[in-house]
Amino acid sequence: MMMPSIFGENLFDNFMEDFAFPSFPSFPDIDRTLYGKRAGNLMKTDVKETDAGYVVDMDLPGFKKEEIRMQLDNGYLTVSASKGLDKESGEGNYVRRERYAGSMSRSFYVGDHVTEADIHPKYENGILTFNLPRKEQKAVEEKKRYIAIEG
């Protein structure tokens, strides 16, 4: 459904702005004071299955390649990005600030079979793309084993 945009991005943008939601310690990834009400729109990820494995595309608009880190630890791949706003000198006060500063991260379980050499990340036009190999299935050896019946 299309929403009228005469009052900003959405008619209901500021509907419950004054209502304070409690903080949820189980979701420490998102610092809402830094990213505001659009925090859920950051780090959107698409995972596509291919014959060789998986292709992951992650939106990281506005970040530089140097501000993005990837870490593989115990089968978990963590992608984190952090940035700060430039301190602008000059006179005047901001009427509205919508740019964000801070850090965010997202973790995925990729398995113990994945190594750093298997992941080939590429960052272009605000999209981080990397491949994850599929775990190779070991062939099950079929042996006929007979069980002795007592009695």
N, C-alpha and C. Protein backbone atom coordinates (compact mmCIF):
# COMPACT_ATOMS: atom_id res chain seq x y z
N MET A 1 0.84 -1.17 0.00
CA MET A 1 0.00 0.00 0.00
C MET A 1 0.88 1.24 0.00
N MET A 2 0.59 2.15 -0.85
CA MET A 2 1.35 3.40 -0.92
C MET A 2 0.89 4.33 0.18
N MET A 3 1.84 4.97 0.83
CA MET A 3 1.53 5.91 1.90
C MET A 3 1.83 7.32 1.41
N PRO A 4 0.97 8.28 1.74
CA PRO A 4 1.26 9.65 1.32
C PRO A 4 2.52 10.17 1.98
N SER A 5 3.29 10.95 1.25
CA SER A 5 4.56 11.42 1.78
C SER A 5 4.56 12.93 1.99
N ILE A 6 3.41 13.52 2.24
CA ILE A 6 3.36 14.96 2.39
C ILE A 6 3.93 15.43 3.73
N PHE A 7 4.07 14.52 4.72
CA PHE A 7 4.58 14.90 6.02
C PHE A 7 5.98 14.36 6.27
N GLY A 8 6.72 14.03 5.28
CA GLY A 8 8.05 13.44 5.45
C GLY A 8 8.13 12.18 4.63
N GLU A 9 8.85 11.21 5.12
CA GLU A 9 9.00 9.96 4.40
C GLU A 9 7.74 9.12 4.45
N ASN A 10 6.96 9.29 5.48
CA ASN A 10 5.80 8.45 5.69
C ASN A 10 4.81 9.22 6.55
N LEU A 11 3.56 9.03 6.33
CA LEU A 11 2.53 9.73 7.11
C LEU A 11 2.66 9.42 8.60
N PHE A 12 3.09 8.18 8.94
CA PHE A 12 3.17 7.77 10.33
C PHE A 12 4.60 7.81 10.88
N ASP A 13 5.48 8.58 10.24
CA ASP A 13 6.87 8.66 10.66
C ASP A 13 7.03 8.99 12.14
N ASN A 14 6.36 10.02 12.60
CA ASN A 14 6.53 10.50 13.96
C ASN A 14 5.34 10.19 14.84
N PHE A 15 4.60 9.16 14.50
CA PHE A 15 3.36 8.85 15.20
C PHE A 15 3.56 8.63 16.70
N MET A 16 4.55 7.81 17.07
CA MET A 16 4.78 7.52 18.48
C MET A 16 6.17 7.98 18.92
N GLU A 17 6.60 9.12 18.40
CA GLU A 17 7.94 9.61 18.67
C GLU A 17 8.17 9.88 20.16
N ASP A 18 7.17 10.36 20.87
CA ASP A 18 7.35 10.71 22.28
C ASP A 18 7.21 9.52 23.21
N PHE A 19 6.73 8.39 22.70
CA PHE A 19 6.57 7.21 23.54
C PHE A 19 7.92 6.51 23.66
N ALA A 20 8.36 6.27 24.89
CA ALA A 20 9.68 5.64 25.10
C ALA A 20 9.53 4.14 25.22
N PHE A 21 10.11 3.41 24.29
CA PHE A 21 10.12 1.96 24.36
C PHE A 21 11.21 1.51 25.31
N PRO A 22 10.99 0.41 26.04
CA PRO A 22 12.06 -0.07 26.91
C PRO A 22 13.22 -0.62 26.09
N SER A 23 14.39 -0.61 26.68
CA SER A 23 15.54 -1.16 25.96
C SER A 23 15.53 -2.67 26.12
N PHE A 24 15.98 -3.36 25.09
CA PHE A 24 16.03 -4.80 25.10
C PHE A 24 17.47 -5.25 25.07
N PRO A 25 17.99 -5.76 26.20
CA PRO A 25 19.40 -6.16 26.22
C PRO A 25 19.73 -7.33 25.32
N SER A 26 18.71 -8.07 24.86
CA SER A 26 18.98 -9.21 23.98
C SER A 26 19.30 -8.77 22.56
N PHE A 27 19.13 -7.47 22.25
CA PHE A 27 19.44 -6.95 20.92
C PHE A 27 20.47 -5.84 21.03
N PRO A 28 21.71 -6.17 21.42
CA PRO A 28 22.70 -5.11 21.58
C PRO A 28 23.30 -4.64 20.27
N ASP A 29 22.97 -5.30 19.15
CA ASP A 29 23.58 -4.96 17.86
C ASP A 29 23.24 -3.55 17.42
N ILE A 30 22.02 -3.13 17.72
CA ILE A 30 21.54 -1.88 17.16
C ILE A 30 21.49 -0.83 18.26
N ASP A 31 22.25 0.22 18.09
CA ASP A 31 22.23 1.32 19.02
C ASP A 31 21.27 2.36 18.46
N ARG A 32 20.05 2.36 18.96
CA ARG A 32 19.02 3.22 18.41
C ARG A 32 19.29 4.70 18.63
N THR A 33 20.10 5.04 19.62
CA THR A 33 20.41 6.46 19.80
C THR A 33 21.28 6.96 18.66
N LEU A 34 22.08 6.09 18.07
CA LEU A 34 22.92 6.51 16.97
C LEU A 34 22.20 6.42 15.63
N TYR A 35 21.38 5.39 15.45
CA TYR A 35 20.77 5.16 14.16
C TYR A 35 19.30 5.55 14.08
N GLY A 36 18.69 5.83 15.21
CA GLY A 36 17.32 6.30 15.20
C GLY A 36 16.32 5.26 14.78
N LYS A 37 15.17 5.75 14.31
CA LYS A 37 14.07 4.84 14.00
C LYS A 37 14.26 4.05 12.71
N ARG A 38 15.30 4.38 11.95
CA ARG A 38 15.57 3.65 10.72
C ARG A 38 16.66 2.61 10.90
N ALA A 39 16.94 2.22 12.13
CA ALA A 39 18.01 1.27 12.41
C ALA A 39 17.74 -0.08 11.76
N GLY A 40 16.50 -0.47 11.63
CA GLY A 40 16.17 -1.75 11.01
C GLY A 40 16.48 -1.81 9.54
N ASN A 41 16.72 -0.66 8.90
CA ASN A 41 17.01 -0.62 7.47
C ASN A 41 18.49 -0.76 7.17
N LEU A 42 19.33 -0.90 8.19
CA LEU A 42 20.76 -1.01 7.98
C LEU A 42 21.18 -2.46 7.90
N MET A 43 22.20 -2.72 7.13
CA MET A 43 22.78 -4.05 6.95
C MET A 43 21.78 -5.08 6.42
N LYS A 44 20.95 -4.68 5.50
CA LYS A 44 20.04 -5.63 4.86
C LYS A 44 20.87 -6.64 4.08
N THR A 45 20.50 -7.91 4.16
CA THR A 45 21.32 -8.97 3.59
C THR A 45 20.48 -9.91 2.74
N ASP A 46 21.03 -10.26 1.58
CA ASP A 46 20.43 -11.27 0.70
C ASP A 46 21.41 -12.44 0.62
N VAL A 47 20.88 -13.66 0.75
CA VAL A 47 21.70 -14.86 0.64
C VAL A 47 21.12 -15.69 -0.50
N LYS A 48 21.96 -15.97 -1.50
CA LYS A 48 21.52 -16.73 -2.68
C LYS A 48 22.27 -18.05 -2.72
N GLU A 49 21.54 -19.14 -2.89
CA GLU A 49 22.15 -20.46 -2.97
C GLU A 49 22.54 -20.75 -4.41
N THR A 50 23.78 -21.23 -4.59
CA THR A 50 24.28 -21.62 -5.90
C THR A 50 24.77 -23.07 -5.82
N ASP A 51 25.24 -23.58 -6.95
CA ASP A 51 25.76 -24.95 -6.95
C ASP A 51 27.02 -25.07 -6.09
N ALA A 52 27.85 -24.03 -6.10
CA ALA A 52 29.12 -24.07 -5.36
C ALA A 52 28.97 -23.71 -3.89
N GLY A 53 27.92 -23.00 -3.55
CA GLY A 53 27.75 -22.57 -2.16
C GLY A 53 26.70 -21.48 -2.05
N TYR A 54 27.08 -20.36 -1.43
CA TYR A 54 26.15 -19.26 -1.20
C TYR A 54 26.82 -17.94 -1.57
N VAL A 55 26.04 -17.03 -2.13
CA VAL A 55 26.50 -15.69 -2.42
C VAL A 55 25.73 -14.75 -1.50
N VAL A 56 26.47 -13.94 -0.74
CA VAL A 56 25.85 -13.03 0.23
C VAL A 56 26.07 -11.61 -0.24
N ASP A 57 24.99 -10.83 -0.32
CA ASP A 57 25.03 -9.41 -0.65
C ASP A 57 24.51 -8.64 0.56
N MET A 58 25.31 -7.69 1.05
CA MET A 58 24.94 -6.94 2.24
C MET A 58 25.01 -5.44 1.92
N ASP A 59 23.92 -4.73 2.18
CA ASP A 59 23.88 -3.29 1.95
C ASP A 59 24.61 -2.57 3.07
N LEU A 60 25.61 -1.78 2.70
CA LEU A 60 26.35 -0.93 3.64
C LEU A 60 26.56 0.43 2.99
N PRO A 61 25.47 1.16 2.73
CA PRO A 61 25.62 2.43 2.02
C PRO A 61 26.31 3.48 2.89
N GLY A 62 27.14 4.28 2.26
CA GLY A 62 27.80 5.37 2.95
C GLY A 62 29.09 4.99 3.66
N PHE A 63 29.45 3.72 3.66
CA PHE A 63 30.68 3.30 4.31
C PHE A 63 31.81 3.22 3.29
N LYS A 64 33.03 3.43 3.76
CA LYS A 64 34.21 3.22 2.96
C LYS A 64 34.71 1.80 3.21
N LYS A 65 35.49 1.28 2.29
CA LYS A 65 36.01 -0.08 2.43
C LYS A 65 36.81 -0.23 3.72
N GLU A 66 37.53 0.81 4.12
CA GLU A 66 38.36 0.76 5.31
C GLU A 66 37.54 0.73 6.61
N GLU A 67 36.27 1.09 6.54
CA GLU A 67 35.41 1.12 7.73
C GLU A 67 34.68 -0.20 7.97
N ILE A 68 34.91 -1.19 7.10
CA ILE A 68 34.22 -2.48 7.20
C ILE A 68 35.23 -3.55 7.59
N ARG A 69 34.84 -4.41 8.55
CA ARG A 69 35.70 -5.52 8.98
C ARG A 69 34.91 -6.81 8.94
N MET A 70 35.63 -7.89 8.61
CA MET A 70 35.04 -9.22 8.63
C MET A 70 35.93 -10.10 9.49
N GLN A 71 35.30 -10.87 10.38
CA GLN A 71 36.05 -11.74 11.28
C GLN A 71 35.39 -13.11 11.30
N LEU A 72 36.21 -14.16 11.22
CA LEU A 72 35.75 -15.54 11.28
C LEU A 72 36.27 -16.15 12.56
N ASP A 73 35.36 -16.60 13.44
CA ASP A 73 35.76 -17.14 14.72
C ASP A 73 34.81 -18.28 15.11
N ASN A 74 35.35 -19.48 15.25
CA ASN A 74 34.58 -20.66 15.67
C ASN A 74 33.34 -20.90 14.82
N GLY A 75 33.47 -20.73 13.53
CA GLY A 75 32.36 -20.99 12.63
C GLY A 75 31.39 -19.84 12.47
N TYR A 76 31.61 -18.71 13.15
CA TYR A 76 30.74 -17.54 13.04
C TYR A 76 31.46 -16.45 12.25
N LEU A 77 30.82 -15.94 11.23
CA LEU A 77 31.35 -14.85 10.45
C LEU A 77 30.66 -13.57 10.91
N THR A 78 31.44 -12.60 11.37
CA THR A 78 30.89 -11.33 11.86
C THR A 78 31.33 -10.22 10.92
N VAL A 79 30.36 -9.48 10.41
CA VAL A 79 30.62 -8.32 9.58
C VAL A 79 30.29 -7.10 10.42
N SER A 80 31.25 -6.21 10.59
CA SER A 80 31.01 -5.00 11.37
C SER A 80 31.46 -3.79 10.58
N ALA A 81 30.77 -2.69 10.81
CA ALA A 81 31.09 -1.44 10.14
C ALA A 81 30.94 -0.31 11.15
N SER A 82 31.84 0.64 11.09
CA SER A 82 31.76 1.78 11.99
C SER A 82 32.19 3.04 11.27
N LYS A 83 31.56 4.13 11.66
CA LYS A 83 31.91 5.41 11.05
C LYS A 83 31.56 6.53 12.01
N GLY A 84 32.20 7.64 11.83
CA GLY A 84 31.92 8.83 12.63
C GLY A 84 31.59 9.99 11.70
N LEU A 85 30.86 10.93 12.21
CA LEU A 85 30.55 12.11 11.41
C LEU A 85 31.72 13.07 11.46
N ASP A 86 31.98 13.72 10.35
CA ASP A 86 33.04 14.71 10.32
C ASP A 86 32.62 15.91 11.15
N LYS A 87 33.55 16.42 11.92
CA LYS A 87 33.29 17.63 12.70
C LYS A 87 33.40 18.81 11.76
N GLU A 88 32.27 19.43 11.49
CA GLU A 88 32.28 20.56 10.57
C GLU A 88 32.46 21.84 11.36
N SER A 89 33.40 22.63 10.92
CA SER A 89 33.59 23.91 11.58
C SER A 89 32.76 24.96 10.85
N GLY A 90 32.38 25.95 11.57
CA GLY A 90 31.58 27.00 10.97
C GLY A 90 30.48 27.41 11.92
N GLU A 91 29.80 28.44 11.52
CA GLU A 91 28.74 28.95 12.37
C GLU A 91 27.42 28.32 11.98
N GLY A 92 26.50 28.36 12.92
CA GLY A 92 25.16 27.87 12.66
C GLY A 92 24.86 26.59 13.40
N ASN A 93 23.58 26.36 13.63
CA ASN A 93 23.12 25.15 14.29
C ASN A 93 22.36 24.29 13.29
N TYR A 94 22.43 23.00 13.48
CA TYR A 94 21.69 22.09 12.61
C TYR A 94 20.20 22.18 12.93
N VAL A 95 19.42 22.22 11.89
CA VAL A 95 17.97 22.17 12.05
C VAL A 95 17.51 20.72 12.02
N ARG A 96 18.20 19.89 11.24
CA ARG A 96 17.87 18.46 11.14
C ARG A 96 19.14 17.71 10.76
N ARG A 97 19.38 16.57 11.43
CA ARG A 97 20.52 15.71 11.11
C ARG A 97 20.00 14.30 10.89
N GLU A 98 20.25 13.77 9.72
CA GLU A 98 19.78 12.42 9.40
C GLU A 98 20.92 11.45 9.12
N ARG A 99 22.14 11.94 9.04
CA ARG A 99 23.27 11.05 8.83
C ARG A 99 23.58 10.35 10.14
N TYR A 100 24.13 9.15 10.05
CA TYR A 100 24.38 8.35 11.24
C TYR A 100 25.87 8.20 11.50
N ALA A 101 26.16 7.92 12.75
CA ALA A 101 27.54 7.65 13.16
C ALA A 101 27.47 6.57 14.22
N GLY A 102 28.52 5.78 14.30
CA GLY A 102 28.55 4.71 15.29
C GLY A 102 29.02 3.42 14.66
N SER A 103 28.69 2.32 15.29
CA SER A 103 29.11 1.03 14.75
C SER A 103 27.94 0.06 14.82
N MET A 104 28.01 -0.94 13.95
CA MET A 104 26.99 -1.99 13.92
C MET A 104 27.65 -3.26 13.45
N SER A 105 27.06 -4.38 13.77
CA SER A 105 27.62 -5.65 13.33
C SER A 105 26.50 -6.67 13.15
N ARG A 106 26.83 -7.68 12.39
CA ARG A 106 25.89 -8.78 12.14
C ARG A 106 26.69 -10.06 12.01
N SER A 107 26.22 -11.13 12.67
CA SER A 107 26.94 -12.40 12.66
C SER A 107 26.10 -13.48 12.00
N PHE A 108 26.80 -14.41 11.33
CA PHE A 108 26.18 -15.54 10.66
C PHE A 108 26.95 -16.80 11.02
N TYR A 109 26.25 -17.88 11.27
CA TYR A 109 26.94 -19.16 11.46
C TYR A 109 27.18 -19.75 10.09
N VAL A 110 28.46 -19.94 9.74
CA VAL A 110 28.82 -20.46 8.42
C VAL A 110 29.40 -21.85 8.49
N GLY A 111 29.69 -22.35 9.69
CA GLY A 111 30.21 -23.70 9.86
C GLY A 111 31.71 -23.71 10.07
N ASP A 112 32.20 -24.80 10.62
CA ASP A 112 33.62 -24.93 10.91
C ASP A 112 34.46 -25.23 9.67
N HIS A 113 33.81 -25.62 8.59
CA HIS A 113 34.55 -25.97 7.37
C HIS A 113 35.02 -24.74 6.59
N VAL A 114 34.48 -23.56 6.88
CA VAL A 114 34.84 -22.35 6.15
C VAL A 114 36.10 -21.73 6.76
N THR A 115 37.05 -21.36 5.90
CA THR A 115 38.27 -20.69 6.34
C THR A 115 38.32 -19.29 5.72
N GLU A 116 39.27 -18.49 6.19
CA GLU A 116 39.42 -17.13 5.66
C GLU A 116 39.74 -17.14 4.16
N ALA A 117 40.44 -18.16 3.72
CA ALA A 117 40.80 -18.26 2.30
C ALA A 117 39.59 -18.56 1.41
N ASP A 118 38.52 -19.09 1.99
CA ASP A 118 37.32 -19.42 1.21
C ASP A 118 36.45 -18.20 0.91
N ILE A 119 36.59 -17.16 1.71
CA ILE A 119 35.73 -15.98 1.59
C ILE A 119 36.48 -14.93 0.78
N HIS A 120 35.88 -14.47 -0.29
CA HIS A 120 36.49 -13.46 -1.16
C HIS A 120 35.58 -12.24 -1.22
N PRO A 121 35.68 -11.34 -0.22
CA PRO A 121 34.77 -10.20 -0.20
C PRO A 121 35.13 -9.14 -1.24
N LYS A 122 34.09 -8.46 -1.71
CA LYS A 122 34.24 -7.40 -2.69
C LYS A 122 33.24 -6.30 -2.30
N TYR A 123 33.69 -5.06 -2.25
CA TYR A 123 32.83 -3.95 -1.85
C TYR A 123 32.76 -2.93 -2.98
N GLU A 124 31.57 -2.78 -3.56
CA GLU A 124 31.36 -1.84 -4.65
C GLU A 124 29.98 -1.20 -4.51
N ASN A 125 29.94 0.12 -4.71
CA ASN A 125 28.68 0.87 -4.73
C ASN A 125 27.82 0.64 -3.49
N GLY A 126 28.46 0.51 -2.31
CA GLY A 126 27.72 0.36 -1.07
C GLY A 126 27.22 -1.04 -0.79
N ILE A 127 27.66 -2.02 -1.58
CA ILE A 127 27.23 -3.41 -1.39
C ILE A 127 28.44 -4.30 -1.17
N LEU A 128 28.45 -4.99 -0.05
CA LEU A 128 29.50 -5.97 0.25
C LEU A 128 29.03 -7.32 -0.24
N THR A 129 29.81 -7.95 -1.12
CA THR A 129 29.47 -9.25 -1.69
C THR A 129 30.57 -10.24 -1.37
N PHE A 130 30.18 -11.43 -0.88
CA PHE A 130 31.17 -12.48 -0.65
C PHE A 130 30.53 -13.84 -0.84
N ASN A 131 31.39 -14.83 -1.09
CA ASN A 131 30.95 -16.20 -1.34
C ASN A 131 31.27 -17.07 -0.15
N LEU A 132 30.40 -18.01 0.14
CA LEU A 132 30.62 -19.01 1.18
C LEU A 132 30.50 -20.38 0.53
N PRO A 133 31.50 -21.25 0.71
CA PRO A 133 31.42 -22.58 0.09
C PRO A 133 30.42 -23.47 0.82
N ARG A 134 29.86 -24.37 0.08
CA ARG A 134 28.94 -25.35 0.64
C ARG A 134 29.75 -26.45 1.30
N LYS A 135 29.28 -26.96 2.41
CA LYS A 135 29.97 -28.05 3.09
C LYS A 135 29.86 -29.30 2.23
N GLU A 136 31.00 -29.89 1.97
CA GLU A 136 31.02 -31.09 1.13
C GLU A 136 30.47 -32.27 1.91
N GLN A 137 29.56 -32.95 1.30
CA GLN A 137 28.97 -34.14 1.92
C GLN A 137 29.92 -35.31 1.74
N LYS A 138 30.22 -35.95 2.81
CA LYS A 138 31.07 -37.14 2.72
C LYS A 138 30.22 -38.31 2.27
N ALA A 139 30.77 -39.06 1.37
CA ALA A 139 30.04 -40.22 0.87
C ALA A 139 29.96 -41.27 1.98
N VAL A 140 28.77 -41.73 2.20
CA VAL A 140 28.56 -42.75 3.22
C VAL A 140 28.88 -44.11 2.61
N GLU A 141 29.75 -44.80 3.26
CA GLU A 141 30.16 -46.10 2.77
C GLU A 141 29.10 -47.12 3.17
N GLU A 142 28.56 -47.79 2.18
CA GLU A 142 27.52 -48.76 2.47
C GLU A 142 28.15 -50.12 2.72
N LYS A 143 28.08 -50.55 3.94
CA LYS A 143 28.55 -51.88 4.30
C LYS A 143 27.38 -52.64 4.90
N LYS A 144 27.23 -53.83 4.45
CA LYS A 144 26.17 -54.66 5.02
C LYS A 144 26.71 -55.29 6.29
N ARG A 145 26.07 -54.99 7.34
CA ARG A 145 26.48 -55.55 8.63
C ARG A 145 25.31 -56.40 9.15
N TYR A 146 25.66 -57.60 9.50
CA TYR A 146 24.65 -58.49 10.02
C TYR A 146 24.71 -58.50 11.53
N ILE A 147 23.56 -58.57 12.12
CA ILE A 147 23.46 -58.58 13.58
C ILE A 147 23.09 -59.98 14.02
N ALA A 148 23.85 -60.49 14.94
CA ALA A 148 23.60 -61.85 15.45
C ALA A 148 22.37 -61.83 16.35
N ILE A 149 21.55 -62.83 16.18
CA ILE A 149 20.33 -62.95 16.99
C ILE A 149 20.57 -64.03 18.03
N GLU A 150 20.37 -63.67 19.26
CA GLU A 150 20.57 -64.62 20.36
C GLU A 150 19.33 -65.47 20.54
N GLY A 151 19.55 -66.66 21.10
CA GLY A 151 18.42 -67.48 21.48
C GLY A 151 18.34 -68.82 20.85
